[in-house]
N, C-alpha and C. Protein backbone atom coordinates (compact mmCIF):
# COMPACT_ATOMS: atom_id res chain seq x y z
N GLY A 1 -81.56 -113.10 -62.08
CA GLY A 1 -80.72 -114.14 -62.57
C GLY A 1 -81.34 -115.55 -62.61
N GLU A 2 -80.47 -116.38 -63.21
CA GLU A 2 -80.99 -117.80 -63.37
C GLU A 2 -80.99 -118.52 -61.99
N GLY A 3 -80.12 -118.16 -61.24
CA GLY A 3 -80.03 -118.99 -59.86
C GLY A 3 -78.82 -120.00 -59.99
N VAL A 4 -78.59 -120.79 -59.09
CA VAL A 4 -77.63 -121.67 -58.86
C VAL A 4 -77.83 -123.15 -59.52
N ALA A 5 -79.15 -123.46 -59.34
CA ALA A 5 -79.48 -124.87 -59.80
C ALA A 5 -79.25 -125.23 -61.22
N GLY A 6 -79.55 -124.17 -62.11
CA GLY A 6 -79.50 -124.43 -63.50
C GLY A 6 -78.05 -124.78 -63.98
N PRO A 7 -77.13 -123.86 -63.65
CA PRO A 7 -75.68 -124.14 -63.91
C PRO A 7 -74.98 -125.35 -63.23
N LEU A 8 -75.64 -125.66 -62.11
CA LEU A 8 -75.06 -126.98 -61.49
C LEU A 8 -75.62 -128.16 -62.24
N GLU A 9 -76.85 -128.11 -62.76
CA GLU A 9 -77.48 -129.20 -63.42
C GLU A 9 -76.70 -129.40 -64.83
N ARG A 10 -76.20 -128.40 -65.36
CA ARG A 10 -75.70 -128.34 -66.73
C ARG A 10 -74.29 -128.99 -66.60
N THR A 11 -73.48 -128.76 -65.30
CA THR A 11 -72.26 -129.28 -65.36
C THR A 11 -72.18 -130.86 -65.34
N GLU A 12 -73.35 -131.33 -64.92
CA GLU A 12 -73.47 -132.80 -64.69
C GLU A 12 -72.44 -133.51 -63.76
N LEU A 13 -72.04 -132.62 -62.73
CA LEU A 13 -71.13 -133.04 -61.72
C LEU A 13 -71.79 -133.49 -60.43
N PHE A 14 -72.94 -132.88 -60.25
CA PHE A 14 -73.80 -133.19 -59.10
C PHE A 14 -74.77 -134.12 -59.13
N PRO A 15 -75.11 -134.83 -58.08
CA PRO A 15 -76.47 -135.82 -58.12
C PRO A 15 -77.56 -134.84 -58.22
N MET A 16 -78.63 -135.58 -58.86
CA MET A 16 -79.88 -134.82 -59.08
C MET A 16 -80.56 -134.42 -57.90
N ALA A 17 -80.41 -135.28 -56.83
CA ALA A 17 -81.06 -135.02 -55.51
C ALA A 17 -80.51 -133.67 -55.05
N ALA A 18 -79.15 -133.37 -55.08
CA ALA A 18 -78.55 -132.33 -54.63
C ALA A 18 -79.08 -130.95 -55.39
N ILE A 19 -79.10 -131.13 -56.57
CA ILE A 19 -79.59 -130.02 -57.47
C ILE A 19 -81.04 -129.83 -57.05
N GLN A 20 -81.80 -130.67 -56.80
CA GLN A 20 -83.25 -130.36 -56.60
C GLN A 20 -83.37 -129.76 -55.11
N MET A 21 -82.43 -130.05 -54.25
CA MET A 21 -82.37 -129.51 -52.87
C MET A 21 -82.09 -128.00 -53.07
N VAL A 22 -81.07 -127.73 -53.98
CA VAL A 22 -80.59 -126.32 -54.22
C VAL A 22 -81.91 -125.66 -54.89
N ARG A 23 -82.54 -126.22 -55.72
CA ARG A 23 -83.67 -125.52 -56.37
C ARG A 23 -84.73 -125.19 -55.28
N VAL A 24 -85.01 -126.18 -54.51
CA VAL A 24 -86.09 -125.84 -53.47
C VAL A 24 -85.58 -124.79 -52.59
N GLY A 25 -84.39 -124.70 -52.23
CA GLY A 25 -83.80 -123.63 -51.41
C GLY A 25 -83.92 -122.31 -52.09
N GLU A 26 -83.65 -122.31 -53.44
CA GLU A 26 -83.82 -120.98 -54.03
C GLU A 26 -85.26 -120.57 -54.02
N GLU A 27 -86.09 -121.47 -54.32
CA GLU A 27 -87.56 -121.14 -54.42
C GLU A 27 -88.19 -120.67 -53.05
N THR A 28 -87.77 -121.21 -51.93
CA THR A 28 -88.28 -120.98 -50.73
C THR A 28 -87.52 -120.06 -49.88
N GLY A 29 -86.28 -119.56 -50.42
CA GLY A 29 -85.52 -118.66 -49.63
C GLY A 29 -84.62 -119.32 -48.55
N THR A 30 -84.45 -120.64 -48.63
CA THR A 30 -83.87 -121.29 -47.53
C THR A 30 -82.58 -122.05 -48.08
N LEU A 31 -81.84 -121.28 -49.05
CA LEU A 31 -80.72 -121.96 -49.89
C LEU A 31 -79.73 -122.40 -48.86
N ASP A 32 -79.37 -121.55 -47.95
CA ASP A 32 -78.26 -122.06 -46.98
C ASP A 32 -78.64 -123.24 -46.27
N GLN A 33 -79.92 -123.40 -45.77
CA GLN A 33 -80.35 -124.50 -45.03
C GLN A 33 -80.25 -125.78 -45.91
N GLN A 34 -80.71 -125.57 -47.14
CA GLN A 34 -80.75 -126.74 -48.03
C GLN A 34 -79.57 -127.19 -48.47
N VAL A 35 -78.43 -126.38 -48.73
CA VAL A 35 -77.17 -126.68 -49.00
C VAL A 35 -76.46 -127.45 -48.00
N GLU A 36 -76.74 -126.90 -46.60
CA GLU A 36 -76.09 -127.58 -45.43
C GLU A 36 -76.76 -128.84 -45.24
N SER A 37 -77.99 -129.14 -45.50
CA SER A 37 -78.63 -130.43 -45.35
C SER A 37 -78.20 -131.28 -46.31
N ALA A 38 -77.97 -130.86 -47.59
CA ALA A 38 -77.46 -131.67 -48.72
C ALA A 38 -76.07 -132.19 -48.33
N ALA A 39 -75.22 -131.15 -47.77
CA ALA A 39 -73.77 -131.42 -47.55
C ALA A 39 -73.82 -132.47 -46.30
N ASN A 40 -74.57 -132.39 -45.38
CA ASN A 40 -74.62 -133.35 -44.25
C ASN A 40 -75.20 -134.73 -44.68
N PHE A 41 -76.02 -134.84 -45.68
CA PHE A 41 -76.58 -136.00 -46.28
C PHE A 41 -75.47 -136.77 -47.05
N TYR A 42 -74.71 -136.02 -47.85
CA TYR A 42 -73.66 -136.65 -48.60
C TYR A 42 -72.47 -136.98 -47.85
N ALA A 43 -72.13 -136.22 -46.64
CA ALA A 43 -71.07 -136.52 -45.71
C ALA A 43 -71.39 -137.90 -45.12
N ARG A 44 -72.70 -138.06 -44.56
CA ARG A 44 -73.14 -139.29 -43.90
C ARG A 44 -72.88 -140.50 -44.80
N GLU A 45 -73.47 -140.21 -46.08
CA GLU A 45 -73.44 -141.32 -47.14
C GLU A 45 -71.87 -141.77 -47.44
N THR A 46 -71.16 -140.85 -47.46
CA THR A 46 -69.69 -141.04 -47.93
C THR A 46 -69.13 -141.89 -46.77
N GLU A 47 -69.37 -141.35 -45.46
CA GLU A 47 -68.85 -142.00 -44.32
C GLU A 47 -69.28 -143.62 -44.29
N TYR A 48 -70.66 -143.75 -44.48
CA TYR A 48 -71.27 -145.03 -44.56
C TYR A 48 -70.55 -145.88 -45.48
N LYS A 49 -70.43 -145.41 -46.81
CA LYS A 49 -69.81 -146.20 -47.86
C LYS A 49 -68.27 -146.54 -47.58
N LEU A 50 -67.62 -145.55 -46.97
CA LEU A 50 -66.17 -145.76 -46.58
C LEU A 50 -66.06 -146.84 -45.54
N LYS A 51 -67.03 -146.86 -44.60
CA LYS A 51 -67.03 -147.94 -43.51
C LYS A 51 -67.30 -149.31 -43.97
N ARG A 52 -68.43 -149.22 -45.01
CA ARG A 52 -68.60 -150.59 -45.58
C ARG A 52 -67.25 -151.07 -46.47
N LEU A 53 -66.73 -150.40 -47.08
CA LEU A 53 -65.49 -150.67 -47.90
C LEU A 53 -64.44 -151.28 -46.96
N THR A 54 -64.18 -150.57 -45.81
CA THR A 54 -63.16 -151.02 -44.89
C THR A 54 -63.52 -152.26 -44.35
N ASP A 55 -64.84 -152.32 -44.01
CA ASP A 55 -65.29 -153.62 -43.43
C ASP A 55 -65.18 -154.96 -44.32
N LEU A 56 -65.12 -154.58 -45.66
CA LEU A 56 -64.98 -155.69 -46.63
C LEU A 56 -63.47 -155.92 -46.79
N PHE A 57 -62.67 -154.75 -46.74
CA PHE A 57 -61.40 -154.96 -47.07
C PHE A 57 -60.54 -155.72 -45.75
N GLU A 58 -60.97 -155.50 -44.53
CA GLU A 58 -60.33 -155.98 -43.56
C GLU A 58 -60.25 -157.63 -43.56
N PRO A 59 -61.19 -158.28 -43.88
CA PRO A 59 -61.07 -159.77 -43.97
C PRO A 59 -60.12 -160.10 -45.05
N ALA A 60 -60.06 -159.42 -46.08
CA ALA A 60 -59.13 -159.70 -47.27
C ALA A 60 -57.81 -159.62 -46.95
N VAL A 61 -57.46 -158.68 -46.01
CA VAL A 61 -56.13 -158.48 -45.48
C VAL A 61 -55.72 -159.52 -44.54
N VAL A 62 -56.75 -159.96 -43.64
CA VAL A 62 -56.44 -161.01 -42.71
C VAL A 62 -56.13 -162.34 -43.49
N LEU A 63 -57.02 -162.67 -44.48
CA LEU A 63 -56.71 -163.86 -45.32
C LEU A 63 -55.42 -163.86 -45.98
N PHE A 64 -55.12 -162.71 -46.59
CA PHE A 64 -53.67 -162.57 -47.30
C PHE A 64 -52.56 -162.79 -46.37
N MET A 65 -52.69 -162.27 -45.18
CA MET A 65 -51.64 -162.26 -44.25
C MET A 65 -51.55 -163.63 -43.75
N GLY A 66 -52.71 -164.53 -43.57
CA GLY A 66 -52.72 -165.78 -43.09
C GLY A 66 -52.02 -166.68 -44.21
N PHE A 67 -52.22 -166.42 -45.51
CA PHE A 67 -51.52 -167.07 -46.55
C PHE A 67 -50.07 -166.73 -46.57
N ILE A 68 -49.63 -165.77 -46.44
CA ILE A 68 -48.14 -165.35 -46.16
C ILE A 68 -47.64 -166.19 -45.04
N VAL A 69 -48.21 -166.08 -43.85
CA VAL A 69 -47.60 -166.83 -42.72
C VAL A 69 -47.66 -168.24 -42.91
N GLY A 70 -48.72 -168.91 -43.55
CA GLY A 70 -48.70 -170.30 -43.81
C GLY A 70 -47.65 -170.60 -44.84
N PHE A 71 -47.45 -169.92 -45.87
CA PHE A 71 -46.35 -170.00 -46.93
C PHE A 71 -45.08 -170.09 -46.14
N VAL A 72 -44.68 -169.12 -45.37
CA VAL A 72 -43.40 -169.08 -44.63
C VAL A 72 -43.24 -170.26 -43.64
N ALA A 73 -44.30 -170.48 -42.97
CA ALA A 73 -44.25 -171.80 -42.02
C ALA A 73 -43.91 -172.94 -42.79
N ILE A 74 -44.64 -173.26 -43.86
CA ILE A 74 -44.43 -174.44 -44.67
C ILE A 74 -43.01 -174.48 -45.22
N ALA A 75 -42.47 -173.17 -45.79
CA ALA A 75 -41.23 -173.25 -46.22
C ALA A 75 -40.13 -173.52 -45.19
N LEU A 76 -40.27 -173.01 -43.98
CA LEU A 76 -39.34 -173.37 -42.87
C LEU A 76 -39.42 -174.81 -42.34
N ILE A 77 -40.59 -175.29 -42.38
CA ILE A 77 -40.73 -176.80 -41.98
C ILE A 77 -40.03 -177.74 -43.06
N SER A 78 -40.47 -177.25 -44.26
CA SER A 78 -39.92 -178.06 -45.55
C SER A 78 -38.27 -178.06 -45.34
N ALA A 79 -37.70 -176.86 -45.14
CA ALA A 79 -36.20 -176.72 -45.02
C ALA A 79 -35.74 -177.59 -43.93
N MET A 80 -36.28 -177.48 -42.83
CA MET A 80 -35.85 -178.28 -41.50
C MET A 80 -35.98 -179.76 -41.81
N TYR A 81 -37.10 -180.22 -42.43
CA TYR A 81 -37.24 -181.62 -42.87
C TYR A 81 -36.07 -182.04 -43.79
N GLY A 82 -35.75 -181.22 -44.85
CA GLY A 82 -34.69 -181.49 -45.66
C GLY A 82 -33.27 -181.67 -45.04
N VAL A 83 -33.14 -180.78 -44.09
CA VAL A 83 -31.85 -180.86 -43.18
C VAL A 83 -31.75 -182.03 -42.35
N LEU A 84 -32.98 -182.35 -41.79
CA LEU A 84 -33.05 -183.63 -40.95
C LEU A 84 -32.71 -184.94 -41.79
N GLN A 85 -33.30 -184.98 -43.01
CA GLN A 85 -33.10 -186.02 -44.04
C GLN A 85 -31.67 -186.21 -44.34
N ASN A 86 -30.95 -184.94 -44.56
CA ASN A 86 -29.55 -185.15 -44.76
C ASN A 86 -28.73 -185.62 -43.70
N VAL A 87 -29.07 -185.16 -42.57
CA VAL A 87 -28.33 -185.63 -41.33
C VAL A 87 -28.64 -187.27 -41.22
N ARG A 88 -29.68 -187.73 -41.29
CA ARG A 88 -29.98 -189.20 -41.38
C ARG A 88 -29.29 -189.76 -42.32
N GLU A 89 -29.23 -189.42 -43.53
CA GLU A 89 -28.52 -190.11 -44.60
C GLU A 89 -27.03 -190.07 -44.31
N GLY A 90 -26.55 -188.93 -43.76
CA GLY A 90 -25.07 -188.94 -43.40
C GLY A 90 -24.82 -189.92 -42.24
N GLN A 91 -25.65 -190.30 -41.32
CA GLN A 91 -25.39 -191.13 -40.30
C GLN A 91 -25.62 -192.54 -40.74
N GLY A 92 -26.05 -192.69 -41.90
CA GLY A 92 -26.29 -194.11 -42.37
C GLY A 92 -27.40 -194.81 -41.73
N VAL A 93 -28.38 -194.01 -41.27
CA VAL A 93 -29.58 -194.66 -40.53
C VAL A 93 -30.73 -195.26 -41.46
């Protein structure tokens, strides 16, 4: 038969490095080891990319929450200042 690497390549769903590893595994009789090695490599790569994404996302969330807290604080202080001004005007000070 043709093997696994050819059909995998035609689907264009897999990275070329993974297809090459499958091809080497077919040629050397170590397909199971090559597929496991490729799976481990891509699992580590995915984990690394996910960690980088969350590392970038964390500061953005902190900044967003800081803006929300700042907005609420300014709104409360502004409201209290307005009430204080009304009280002063009512006393004729």
